């Protein structure tokens, strides 16, 4: 059985709670058969990047590529457009109250795959969701 585990590190995610989410930046996501893109965010002067990119793997008998969402530390200048489109920067300056990971489990006779599909940052009056497909969802009273 092929096993894949592409879930985010929960200890890293828990470390965001109680810290100030300063800002994030991203280019417009390019939507094709799969969405690829990069998004950077800053929490307490530390920079992280979310990348949805192709990874070669055997998935349901198809040797090829699938897009996998990943998170890692970075620096602000490394977060740049892959397709020469403008980078949009948004300031938040709010304390992270809670972080929710949306994980997907795909299981069959020959495959067992876990992957993180989205990360939701919860603040006092609003939430921001960064999804694998690149959509940003804002709820509450926040108005950038």
N, C-alpha and C. Protein backbone atom coordinates (compact mmCIF):
# COMPACT_ATOMS: atom_id res chain seq x y z
N UNK A 1 0.84 -1.18 0.00
CA UNK A 1 0.00 0.00 0.00
C UNK A 1 0.89 1.24 0.00
N UNK A 2 0.58 2.18 -0.88
CA UNK A 2 1.29 3.46 -0.93
C UNK A 2 0.71 4.36 0.16
N UNK A 3 1.60 4.95 0.96
CA UNK A 3 1.17 5.86 2.02
C UNK A 3 1.85 7.20 1.85
N UNK A 4 1.07 8.27 1.95
CA UNK A 4 1.58 9.63 1.86
C UNK A 4 1.02 10.43 3.04
N UNK A 5 1.87 11.25 3.61
CA UNK A 5 1.42 12.13 4.70
C UNK A 5 1.94 13.53 4.42
N UNK A 6 1.06 14.39 3.91
CA UNK A 6 1.41 15.77 3.58
C UNK A 6 0.72 16.76 4.52
N UNK A 7 0.39 16.32 5.74
CA UNK A 7 -0.24 17.22 6.71
C UNK A 7 0.81 18.18 7.27
N UNK A 8 0.35 19.38 7.67
CA UNK A 8 1.24 20.35 8.29
C UNK A 8 1.64 19.88 9.68
N UNK A 9 2.81 20.31 10.14
CA UNK A 9 3.32 20.02 11.48
C UNK A 9 2.45 20.74 12.51
N UNK A 10 1.75 19.99 13.35
CA UNK A 10 0.82 20.60 14.30
C UNK A 10 1.53 21.43 15.37
N UNK A 11 2.75 21.05 15.73
CA UNK A 11 3.49 21.84 16.73
C UNK A 11 3.81 23.24 16.18
N UNK A 12 4.19 23.30 14.92
CA UNK A 12 4.44 24.61 14.29
C UNK A 12 3.16 25.43 14.28
N UNK A 13 2.06 24.82 13.90
CA UNK A 13 0.78 25.53 13.81
C UNK A 13 0.35 26.03 15.19
N UNK A 14 0.49 25.20 16.22
CA UNK A 14 0.13 25.62 17.59
C UNK A 14 0.98 26.79 18.05
N UNK A 15 2.21 26.89 17.56
CA UNK A 15 3.10 27.97 17.98
C UNK A 15 2.62 29.35 17.50
N UNK A 16 1.70 29.39 16.54
CA UNK A 16 1.17 30.66 16.04
C UNK A 16 0.18 31.29 17.02
N UNK A 17 -0.45 30.49 17.86
CA UNK A 17 -1.50 30.98 18.77
C UNK A 17 -0.90 31.94 19.79
N UNK A 18 -1.58 33.08 19.96
CA UNK A 18 -1.14 34.09 20.91
C UNK A 18 -0.12 35.07 20.34
N UNK A 19 0.24 34.90 19.08
CA UNK A 19 1.21 35.79 18.44
C UNK A 19 0.49 36.72 17.46
N UNK A 20 1.17 37.79 17.08
CA UNK A 20 0.58 38.78 16.17
C UNK A 20 0.83 38.40 14.72
N UNK A 21 -0.25 38.24 13.98
CA UNK A 21 -0.20 38.01 12.53
C UNK A 21 -0.11 39.39 11.91
N UNK A 22 1.06 39.73 11.41
CA UNK A 22 1.31 41.09 10.95
C UNK A 22 0.74 41.35 9.56
N UNK A 23 1.12 40.49 8.60
CA UNK A 23 0.71 40.73 7.21
C UNK A 23 0.90 39.47 6.38
N UNK A 24 0.35 39.51 5.17
CA UNK A 24 0.59 38.44 4.21
C UNK A 24 0.70 39.05 2.83
N UNK A 25 1.32 38.30 1.92
CA UNK A 25 1.41 38.76 0.53
C UNK A 25 1.32 37.56 -0.40
N UNK A 26 0.80 37.85 -1.59
CA UNK A 26 0.65 36.80 -2.61
C UNK A 26 0.43 37.42 -3.97
N UNK A 27 0.71 36.65 -4.99
CA UNK A 27 0.36 37.03 -6.36
C UNK A 27 -0.97 36.39 -6.67
N UNK A 28 -1.63 36.85 -7.71
CA UNK A 28 -2.85 36.18 -8.14
C UNK A 28 -2.53 34.73 -8.45
N UNK A 29 -3.41 33.84 -8.03
CA UNK A 29 -3.19 32.43 -8.29
C UNK A 29 -3.57 32.12 -9.74
N UNK A 30 -2.78 31.28 -10.38
CA UNK A 30 -3.02 30.87 -11.75
C UNK A 30 -3.81 29.56 -11.69
N UNK A 31 -5.01 29.58 -12.23
CA UNK A 31 -5.87 28.40 -12.16
C UNK A 31 -5.79 27.66 -13.50
N UNK A 32 -5.30 26.42 -13.43
CA UNK A 32 -5.28 25.53 -14.59
C UNK A 32 -5.98 24.26 -14.13
N UNK A 33 -5.50 23.09 -14.54
CA UNK A 33 -6.05 21.84 -14.00
C UNK A 33 -5.81 21.78 -12.50
N UNK A 34 -4.71 22.35 -12.06
CA UNK A 34 -4.38 22.46 -10.65
C UNK A 34 -3.92 23.90 -10.41
N UNK A 35 -4.08 24.36 -9.21
CA UNK A 35 -3.67 25.72 -8.88
C UNK A 35 -2.28 25.65 -8.28
N UNK A 36 -1.37 26.47 -8.80
CA UNK A 36 -0.06 26.57 -8.17
C UNK A 36 0.14 28.00 -7.73
N UNK A 37 0.82 28.18 -6.63
CA UNK A 37 1.02 29.53 -6.14
C UNK A 37 1.85 29.55 -4.88
N UNK A 38 2.15 30.77 -4.43
CA UNK A 38 2.93 30.98 -3.23
C UNK A 38 2.29 32.12 -2.45
N UNK A 39 2.30 31.99 -1.14
CA UNK A 39 1.75 33.02 -0.26
C UNK A 39 2.69 33.12 0.94
N UNK A 40 3.06 34.33 1.31
CA UNK A 40 3.92 34.54 2.47
C UNK A 40 3.15 35.24 3.56
N UNK A 41 3.47 34.92 4.82
CA UNK A 41 2.86 35.64 5.93
C UNK A 41 3.87 35.81 7.05
N UNK A 42 3.65 36.86 7.84
CA UNK A 42 4.58 37.19 8.91
C UNK A 42 3.85 37.15 10.24
N UNK A 43 4.41 36.38 11.18
CA UNK A 43 3.88 36.27 12.53
C UNK A 43 5.03 36.55 13.49
N UNK A 44 4.85 37.59 14.32
CA UNK A 44 5.89 37.97 15.30
C UNK A 44 7.29 38.03 14.67
N UNK A 45 7.42 38.73 13.58
CA UNK A 45 8.70 38.97 12.89
C UNK A 45 9.29 37.72 12.26
N UNK A 46 8.55 36.62 12.22
CA UNK A 46 9.01 35.41 11.54
C UNK A 46 8.17 35.21 10.28
N UNK A 47 8.83 34.88 9.19
CA UNK A 47 8.17 34.74 7.90
C UNK A 47 7.99 33.26 7.57
N UNK A 48 6.80 32.95 7.04
CA UNK A 48 6.47 31.60 6.58
C UNK A 48 5.93 31.70 5.17
N UNK A 49 6.06 30.61 4.42
CA UNK A 49 5.45 30.60 3.10
C UNK A 49 4.60 29.34 2.94
N UNK A 50 3.47 29.53 2.30
CA UNK A 50 2.61 28.44 1.88
C UNK A 50 2.83 28.29 0.38
N UNK A 51 3.16 27.09 -0.05
CA UNK A 51 3.41 26.84 -1.46
C UNK A 51 2.54 25.68 -1.91
N UNK A 52 1.82 25.87 -2.98
CA UNK A 52 1.09 24.78 -3.62
C UNK A 52 1.80 24.51 -4.93
N UNK A 53 2.46 23.36 -5.00
CA UNK A 53 3.30 23.11 -6.16
C UNK A 53 3.24 21.63 -6.53
N UNK A 54 3.72 21.33 -7.72
CA UNK A 54 3.70 19.97 -8.22
C UNK A 54 4.72 19.10 -7.53
N UNK A 55 4.33 17.87 -7.27
CA UNK A 55 5.25 16.88 -6.71
C UNK A 55 4.99 15.56 -7.43
N UNK A 56 6.07 14.92 -7.84
CA UNK A 56 5.95 13.65 -8.55
C UNK A 56 5.61 12.55 -7.54
N UNK A 57 4.55 11.80 -7.83
CA UNK A 57 4.18 10.67 -6.98
C UNK A 57 3.25 9.73 -7.73
N UNK A 58 3.21 8.50 -7.27
CA UNK A 58 2.30 7.50 -7.80
C UNK A 58 0.99 7.66 -7.05
N UNK A 59 -0.02 8.12 -7.72
CA UNK A 59 -1.30 8.40 -7.07
C UNK A 59 -2.41 7.70 -7.83
N UNK A 60 -3.00 6.70 -7.24
CA UNK A 60 -4.07 5.90 -7.83
C UNK A 60 -3.65 5.33 -9.18
N UNK A 61 -2.42 4.81 -9.22
CA UNK A 61 -1.94 4.14 -10.42
C UNK A 61 -1.45 5.06 -11.51
N UNK A 62 -1.52 6.35 -11.28
CA UNK A 62 -1.06 7.30 -12.28
C UNK A 62 0.30 7.84 -11.86
N UNK A 63 1.32 7.50 -12.62
CA UNK A 63 2.63 8.10 -12.35
C UNK A 63 2.61 9.49 -12.96
N UNK A 64 2.78 10.47 -12.13
CA UNK A 64 2.74 11.83 -12.63
C UNK A 64 2.92 12.80 -11.49
N UNK A 65 2.26 13.92 -11.61
CA UNK A 65 2.40 14.97 -10.62
C UNK A 65 1.06 15.33 -10.04
N UNK A 66 1.09 15.68 -8.77
CA UNK A 66 -0.08 16.22 -8.09
C UNK A 66 0.40 17.46 -7.35
N UNK A 67 -0.50 18.40 -7.12
CA UNK A 67 -0.08 19.57 -6.35
C UNK A 67 -0.26 19.30 -4.87
N UNK A 68 0.74 19.70 -4.10
CA UNK A 68 0.77 19.49 -2.66
C UNK A 68 0.99 20.83 -1.98
N UNK A 69 0.17 21.14 -0.98
CA UNK A 69 0.31 22.37 -0.21
C UNK A 69 1.31 22.12 0.92
N UNK A 70 2.30 23.01 1.05
CA UNK A 70 3.30 22.86 2.10
C UNK A 70 3.53 24.20 2.81
N UNK A 71 4.09 24.12 4.01
CA UNK A 71 4.41 25.32 4.79
C UNK A 71 5.86 25.20 5.25
N UNK A 72 6.57 26.33 5.23
CA UNK A 72 7.95 26.34 5.70
C UNK A 72 8.34 27.76 6.10
N UNK A 73 9.44 27.86 6.85
CA UNK A 73 9.96 29.18 7.17
C UNK A 73 10.61 29.75 5.92
N UNK A 74 10.70 31.07 5.87
CA UNK A 74 11.20 31.72 4.68
C UNK A 74 11.74 33.08 5.06
N UNK A 75 12.00 33.90 4.05
CA UNK A 75 12.23 35.32 4.28
C UNK A 75 11.35 36.08 3.32
N UNK A 76 11.08 37.32 3.64
CA UNK A 76 10.06 38.10 2.92
C UNK A 76 10.40 38.24 1.44
N UNK A 77 11.66 38.35 1.09
CA UNK A 77 12.03 38.56 -0.31
C UNK A 77 11.89 37.28 -1.15
N UNK A 78 11.88 36.11 -0.52
CA UNK A 78 11.71 34.85 -1.27
C UNK A 78 10.28 34.65 -1.76
N UNK A 79 9.35 35.35 -1.18
CA UNK A 79 7.95 35.20 -1.57
C UNK A 79 7.69 36.16 -2.73
N UNK A 80 7.81 35.63 -3.94
CA UNK A 80 7.62 36.45 -5.12
C UNK A 80 6.82 35.69 -6.17
N UNK A 81 6.26 36.44 -7.08
CA UNK A 81 5.42 35.86 -8.11
C UNK A 81 6.20 34.90 -8.99
N UNK A 82 5.54 33.83 -9.37
CA UNK A 82 6.15 32.86 -10.28
C UNK A 82 5.80 33.15 -11.73
N UNK A 83 4.86 34.07 -11.95
CA UNK A 83 4.38 34.32 -13.31
C UNK A 83 4.42 35.80 -13.67
N UNK A 84 5.27 36.55 -12.99
CA UNK A 84 5.44 37.98 -13.27
C UNK A 84 4.17 38.80 -13.10
N UNK A 85 3.27 38.37 -12.22
CA UNK A 85 2.13 39.20 -11.91
C UNK A 85 2.39 39.90 -10.58
N UNK A 86 1.63 40.94 -10.32
CA UNK A 86 1.88 41.78 -9.15
C UNK A 86 1.65 41.04 -7.84
N UNK A 87 2.47 41.38 -6.86
CA UNK A 87 2.33 40.86 -5.50
C UNK A 87 1.42 41.82 -4.73
N UNK A 88 0.45 41.26 -4.04
CA UNK A 88 -0.46 42.06 -3.21
C UNK A 88 -0.09 41.83 -1.76
N UNK A 89 0.07 42.90 -1.00
CA UNK A 89 0.44 42.81 0.40
C UNK A 89 -0.70 43.38 1.24
N UNK A 90 -1.10 42.63 2.27
CA UNK A 90 -2.22 43.02 3.12
C UNK A 90 -1.78 42.98 4.58
N UNK A 91 -2.04 44.08 5.28
CA UNK A 91 -1.69 44.16 6.70
C UNK A 91 -2.87 43.71 7.55
N UNK A 92 -2.58 42.90 8.57
CA UNK A 92 -3.59 42.38 9.47
C UNK A 92 -3.43 42.96 10.87
N UNK A 93 -2.23 42.81 11.46
CA UNK A 93 -1.91 43.29 12.80
C UNK A 93 -2.95 42.87 13.83
N UNK A 94 -3.17 41.57 13.95
CA UNK A 94 -4.15 41.04 14.91
C UNK A 94 -3.57 39.80 15.58
N UNK A 95 -4.01 39.57 16.80
CA UNK A 95 -3.55 38.44 17.60
C UNK A 95 -4.26 37.16 17.17
N UNK A 96 -3.49 36.12 16.91
CA UNK A 96 -4.05 34.82 16.50
C UNK A 96 -4.68 34.16 17.74
N UNK A 97 -5.98 33.92 17.67
CA UNK A 97 -6.71 33.28 18.77
C UNK A 97 -6.72 31.76 18.65
N UNK A 98 -6.81 31.30 17.40
CA UNK A 98 -6.92 29.86 17.14
C UNK A 98 -6.50 29.61 15.70
N UNK A 99 -5.99 28.42 15.42
CA UNK A 99 -5.65 28.02 14.05
C UNK A 99 -6.29 26.66 13.79
N UNK A 100 -6.95 26.56 12.66
CA UNK A 100 -7.62 25.32 12.27
C UNK A 100 -6.98 24.80 10.99
N UNK A 101 -6.62 23.52 10.99
CA UNK A 101 -6.14 22.88 9.78
C UNK A 101 -7.27 22.04 9.19
N UNK A 102 -7.44 22.15 7.90
CA UNK A 102 -8.42 21.34 7.19
C UNK A 102 -7.63 20.25 6.47
N UNK A 103 -7.72 19.03 6.99
CA UNK A 103 -6.99 17.89 6.43
C UNK A 103 -7.94 16.96 5.71
N UNK A 104 -7.46 16.38 4.63
CA UNK A 104 -8.24 15.46 3.82
C UNK A 104 -7.57 14.08 3.87
N UNK A 105 -8.39 13.04 4.00
CA UNK A 105 -7.88 11.68 4.03
C UNK A 105 -8.48 10.91 2.86
N UNK A 106 -7.62 10.43 1.97
CA UNK A 106 -8.04 9.61 0.84
C UNK A 106 -7.52 8.20 1.08
N UNK A 107 -8.44 7.24 1.08
CA UNK A 107 -8.06 5.87 1.41
C UNK A 107 -8.71 4.92 0.41
N UNK A 108 -7.93 3.98 -0.05
CA UNK A 108 -8.45 2.92 -0.92
C UNK A 108 -7.65 1.65 -0.64
N UNK A 109 -7.91 0.62 -1.39
CA UNK A 109 -7.23 -0.65 -1.22
C UNK A 109 -5.70 -0.50 -1.36
N UNK A 110 -5.27 0.39 -2.25
CA UNK A 110 -3.84 0.52 -2.54
C UNK A 110 -3.21 1.83 -2.06
N UNK A 111 -4.03 2.78 -1.59
CA UNK A 111 -3.49 4.11 -1.26
C UNK A 111 -4.06 4.62 0.05
N UNK A 112 -3.19 5.30 0.78
CA UNK A 112 -3.58 5.96 2.03
C UNK A 112 -2.87 7.31 2.03
N UNK A 113 -3.63 8.39 1.84
CA UNK A 113 -3.02 9.71 1.69
C UNK A 113 -3.71 10.73 2.58
N UNK A 114 -2.90 11.45 3.36
CA UNK A 114 -3.36 12.58 4.16
C UNK A 114 -2.71 13.84 3.59
N UNK A 115 -3.50 14.91 3.49
CA UNK A 115 -2.92 16.19 3.09
C UNK A 115 -3.71 17.35 3.67
N UNK A 116 -3.00 18.42 3.97
CA UNK A 116 -3.64 19.64 4.45
C UNK A 116 -4.16 20.40 3.24
N UNK A 117 -5.44 20.74 3.26
CA UNK A 117 -6.08 21.46 2.16
C UNK A 117 -6.23 22.95 2.44
N UNK A 118 -6.23 23.33 3.75
CA UNK A 118 -6.42 24.74 4.09
C UNK A 118 -5.94 25.00 5.52
N UNK A 119 -5.62 26.25 5.78
CA UNK A 119 -5.30 26.70 7.13
C UNK A 119 -6.15 27.93 7.41
N UNK A 120 -6.81 27.93 8.57
CA UNK A 120 -7.71 29.02 8.95
C UNK A 120 -7.12 29.71 10.19
N UNK A 121 -6.87 30.99 10.07
CA UNK A 121 -6.42 31.80 11.20
C UNK A 121 -7.62 32.51 11.79
N UNK A 122 -7.88 32.30 13.07
CA UNK A 122 -9.02 32.91 13.75
C UNK A 122 -8.53 34.03 14.64
N UNK A 123 -9.12 35.21 14.46
CA UNK A 123 -8.79 36.39 15.25
C UNK A 123 -10.02 36.75 16.08
N UNK A 124 -9.97 37.84 16.80
CA UNK A 124 -11.09 38.17 17.68
C UNK A 124 -12.39 38.39 16.92
N UNK A 125 -12.34 39.10 15.80
CA UNK A 125 -13.58 39.45 15.09
C UNK A 125 -13.66 38.95 13.65
N UNK A 126 -12.69 38.17 13.21
CA UNK A 126 -12.71 37.70 11.83
C UNK A 126 -11.80 36.48 11.68
N UNK A 127 -11.89 35.86 10.52
CA UNK A 127 -11.07 34.69 10.18
C UNK A 127 -10.51 34.87 8.78
N UNK A 128 -9.35 34.28 8.55
CA UNK A 128 -8.77 34.26 7.21
C UNK A 128 -8.47 32.80 6.89
N UNK A 129 -8.89 32.37 5.71
CA UNK A 129 -8.65 30.99 5.29
C UNK A 129 -7.80 31.01 4.04
N UNK A 130 -6.64 30.36 4.12
CA UNK A 130 -5.80 30.17 2.95
C UNK A 130 -6.00 28.73 2.51
N UNK A 131 -6.64 28.57 1.33
CA UNK A 131 -6.97 27.25 0.83
C UNK A 131 -5.98 26.82 -0.24
N UNK A 132 -5.89 25.54 -0.46
CA UNK A 132 -5.03 24.99 -1.50
C UNK A 132 -5.35 25.60 -2.86
N UNK A 133 -6.59 25.93 -3.09
CA UNK A 133 -7.00 26.50 -4.37
C UNK A 133 -6.71 27.99 -4.45
N UNK A 134 -6.18 28.56 -3.37
CA UNK A 134 -5.77 29.96 -3.43
C UNK A 134 -6.81 30.96 -3.04
N UNK A 135 -7.99 30.53 -2.67
CA UNK A 135 -9.04 31.45 -2.30
C UNK A 135 -8.83 31.99 -0.89
N UNK A 136 -9.15 33.23 -0.69
CA UNK A 136 -9.07 33.85 0.63
C UNK A 136 -10.49 34.15 1.08
N UNK A 137 -10.81 33.75 2.28
CA UNK A 137 -12.15 33.95 2.80
C UNK A 137 -12.07 34.82 4.05
N UNK A 138 -12.81 35.93 4.04
CA UNK A 138 -12.81 36.82 5.19
C UNK A 138 -14.21 36.84 5.79
N UNK A 139 -14.27 36.70 7.09
CA UNK A 139 -15.55 36.77 7.79
C UNK A 139 -15.45 37.82 8.89
N UNK A 140 -16.56 38.39 9.29
CA UNK A 140 -16.55 39.32 10.42
C UNK A 140 -16.45 40.76 9.96
N UNK A 141 -15.90 41.58 10.84
CA UNK A 141 -15.90 43.02 10.63
C UNK A 141 -14.61 43.57 10.04
N UNK A 142 -13.66 42.71 9.71
CA UNK A 142 -12.38 43.20 9.23
C UNK A 142 -12.56 43.81 7.85
N UNK A 143 -11.91 44.97 7.64
CA UNK A 143 -12.01 45.66 6.36
C UNK A 143 -10.64 46.20 5.99
N UNK A 144 -9.93 45.52 5.09
CA UNK A 144 -8.56 45.97 4.76
C UNK A 144 -8.56 47.28 3.99
